[in-house]
Amino acid sequence: MGSIGWVQLLIVALVILVLFGRGKISEMMGDFGKGISSFKKGMNEEDSSSASKAQIEAPQNSSSPDLSKSESKSPDTSDTNS
């Protein structure tokens, strides 16, 4: 009484076949397969878009200096003790 045998699996499969019918089961399995393939496609697109985005952003950050930092370090003489 621990494992499920092939006889029990066969009985469960027959009950499911009787309840849903052959057409409904094939339709459900087709939808399930489409969902899995859509999920895999979305994951691959996300991975490729994040990789290309990282490649695009990396050269921009290293090659162009940030002007806002250099402007904030310069002394501002116009706003002294007004």
C-alpha atoms as a PDB file:
ATOM      1  CA  MET A   1       0.000   0.000   0.000  1.00  0.00           C
ATOM      2  CA  GLY A   2       2.505   2.623  -0.989  1.00  0.00           C
ATOM      3  CA  SER A   3       2.824   2.733  -4.718  1.00  0.00           C
ATOM      4  CA  ILE A   4       0.283   3.041  -7.482  1.00  0.00           C
ATOM      5  CA  GLY A   5       0.270   0.077  -9.841  1.00  0.00           C
ATOM      6  CA  TRP A   6      -0.484  -0.026 -13.521  1.00  0.00           C
ATOM      7  CA  VAL A   7      -3.966  -1.398 -12.853  1.00  0.00           C
ATOM      8  CA  GLN A   8      -4.932   1.644 -10.766  1.00  0.00           C
ATOM      9  CA  LEU A   9      -3.544   3.990 -13.430  1.00  0.00           C
ATOM     10  CA  LEU A  10      -5.536   2.164 -16.091  1.00  0.00           C
ATOM     11  CA  ILE A  11      -8.751   2.507 -14.050  1.00  0.00           C
ATOM     12  CA  VAL A  12      -8.152   6.231 -13.502  1.00  0.00           C
ATOM     13  CA  ALA A  13      -7.465   6.728 -17.232  1.00  0.00           C
ATOM     14  CA  LEU A  14     -10.678   4.918 -18.178  1.00  0.00           C
ATOM     15  CA  VAL A  15     -12.750   6.982 -15.734  1.00  0.00           C
ATOM     16  CA  ILE A  16     -11.287  10.204 -17.136  1.00  0.00           C
ATOM     17  CA  LEU A  17     -11.958   9.018 -20.689  1.00  0.00           C
ATOM     18  CA  VAL A  18     -15.585   8.226 -19.835  1.00  0.00           C
ATOM     19  CA  LEU A  19     -16.152  11.549 -18.031  1.00  0.00           C
ATOM     20  CA  PHE A  20     -14.581  13.880 -20.595  1.00  0.00           C
ATOM     21  CA  GLY A  21     -14.632  11.973 -23.847  1.00  0.00           C
ATOM     22  CA  ARG A  22     -11.874  11.558 -26.387  1.00  0.00           C
ATOM     23  CA  GLY A  23     -12.413  14.901 -28.162  1.00  0.00           C
ATOM     24  CA  LYS A  24     -12.355  16.998 -25.012  1.00  0.00           C
ATOM     25  CA  ILE A  25      -9.196  15.319 -23.706  1.00  0.00           C
ATOM     26  CA  SER A  26      -7.305  15.902 -26.972  1.00  0.00           C
ATOM     27  CA  GLU A  27      -8.478  19.536 -26.972  1.00  0.00           C
ATOM     28  CA  MET A  28      -7.306  20.017 -23.384  1.00  0.00           C
ATOM     29  CA  MET A  29      -3.895  18.440 -24.117  1.00  0.00           C
ATOM     30  CA  GLY A  30      -3.503  20.629 -27.220  1.00  0.00           C
ATOM     31  CA  ASP A  31      -4.229  23.756 -25.185  1.00  0.00           C
ATOM     32  CA  PHE A  32      -1.814  22.575 -22.514  1.00  0.00           C
ATOM     33  CA  GLY A  33       0.931  22.072 -25.113  1.00  0.00           C
ATOM     34  CA  LYS A  34       0.297  25.509 -26.625  1.00  0.00           C
ATOM     35  CA  GLY A  35       0.522  27.069 -23.175  1.00  0.00           C
ATOM     36  CA  ILE A  36       3.847  25.413 -22.447  1.00  0.00           C
ATOM     37  CA  SER A  37       5.322  26.426 -25.811  1.00  0.00           C
ATOM     38  CA  SER A  38       4.071  29.994 -25.331  1.00  0.00           C
ATOM     39  CA  PHE A  39       5.671  30.102 -21.889  1.00  0.00           C
ATOM     40  CA  LYS A  40       9.006  28.840 -23.240  1.00  0.00           C
ATOM     41  CA  LYS A  41       8.876  31.369 -26.078  1.00  0.00           C
ATOM     42  CA  GLY A  42       8.206  34.195 -23.638  1.00  0.00           C
ATOM     43  CA  MET A  43      11.074  33.122 -21.393  1.00  0.00           C
ATOM     44  CA  ASN A  44      13.473  33.000 -24.367  1.00  0.00           C
ATOM     45  CA  GLU A  45      12.359  36.449 -25.553  1.00  0.00           C
ATOM     46  CA  GLU A  46      12.828  37.881 -22.060  1.00  0.00           C
ATOM     47  CA  ASP A  47      16.326  36.397 -21.778  1.00  0.00           C
ATOM     48  CA  SER A  48      17.385  37.660 -25.197  1.00  0.00           C
ATOM     49  CA  SER A  49      15.924  41.137 -24.663  1.00  0.00           C
ATOM     50  CA  SER A  50      17.572  41.539 -21.257  1.00  0.00           C
ATOM     51  CA  ALA A  51      20.912  40.350 -22.663  1.00  0.00           C
ATOM     52  CA  SER A  52      20.751  42.766 -25.603  1.00  0.00           C
ATOM     53  CA  LYS A  53      19.636  45.587 -23.311  1.00  0.00           C
ATOM     54  CA  ALA A  54      22.613  44.953 -21.033  1.00  0.00           C
ATOM     55  CA  GLN A  55      24.950  45.039 -24.030  1.00  0.00           C
ATOM     56  CA  ILE A  56      23.460  48.321 -25.213  1.00  0.00           C
ATOM     57  CA  GLU A  57      23.558  50.028 -21.798  1.00  0.00           C
ATOM     58  CA  ALA A  58      27.044  48.931 -20.765  1.00  0.00           C
ATOM     59  CA  PRO A  59      29.009  50.899 -23.423  1.00  0.00           C
ATOM     60  CA  GLN A  60      26.918  54.022 -22.890  1.00  0.00           C
ATOM     61  CA  ASN A  61      27.619  54.154 -19.166  1.00  0.00           C
ATOM     62  CA  SER A  62      31.368  53.631 -19.501  1.00  0.00           C
ATOM     63  CA  SER A  63      32.057  55.951 -22.472  1.00  0.00           C
ATOM     64  CA  SER A  64      30.042  59.069 -21.662  1.00  0.00           C
ATOM     65  CA  PRO A  65      30.832  61.076 -18.518  1.00  0.00           C
ATOM     66  CA  ASP A  66      27.976  62.146 -16.307  1.00  0.00           C
ATOM     67  CA  LEU A  67      27.764  65.933 -16.595  1.00  0.00           C
ATOM     68  CA  SER A  68      25.307  66.332 -13.737  1.00  0.00           C
ATOM     69  CA  LYS A  69      27.920  65.143 -11.228  1.00  0.00           C
ATOM     70  CA  SER A  70      30.551  67.619 -12.444  1.00  0.00           C
ATOM     71  CA  GLU A  71      28.041  70.500 -12.364  1.00  0.00           C
ATOM     72  CA  SER A  72      26.976  69.741  -8.803  1.00  0.00           C
ATOM     73  CA  LYS A  73      30.601  69.806  -7.608  1.00  0.00           C
ATOM     74  CA  SER A  74      31.279  73.287  -8.981  1.00  0.00           C
ATOM     75  CA  PRO A  75      30.892  76.082  -6.392  1.00  0.00           C
ATOM     76  CA  ASP A  76      27.770  78.146  -6.694  1.00  0.00           C
ATOM     77  CA  THR A  77      28.516  81.790  -5.902  1.00  0.00           C
ATOM     78  CA  SER A  78      25.156  83.240  -6.798  1.00  0.00           C
ATOM     79  CA  ASP A  79      23.341  81.878  -3.731  1.00  0.00           C
ATOM     80  CA  THR A  80      25.601  82.947  -0.862  1.00  0.00           C
ATOM     81  CA  ASN A  81      23.854  84.404   2.229  1.00  0.00           C
ATOM     82  CA  SER A  82      21.022  86.227   0.557  1.00  0.00           C
END
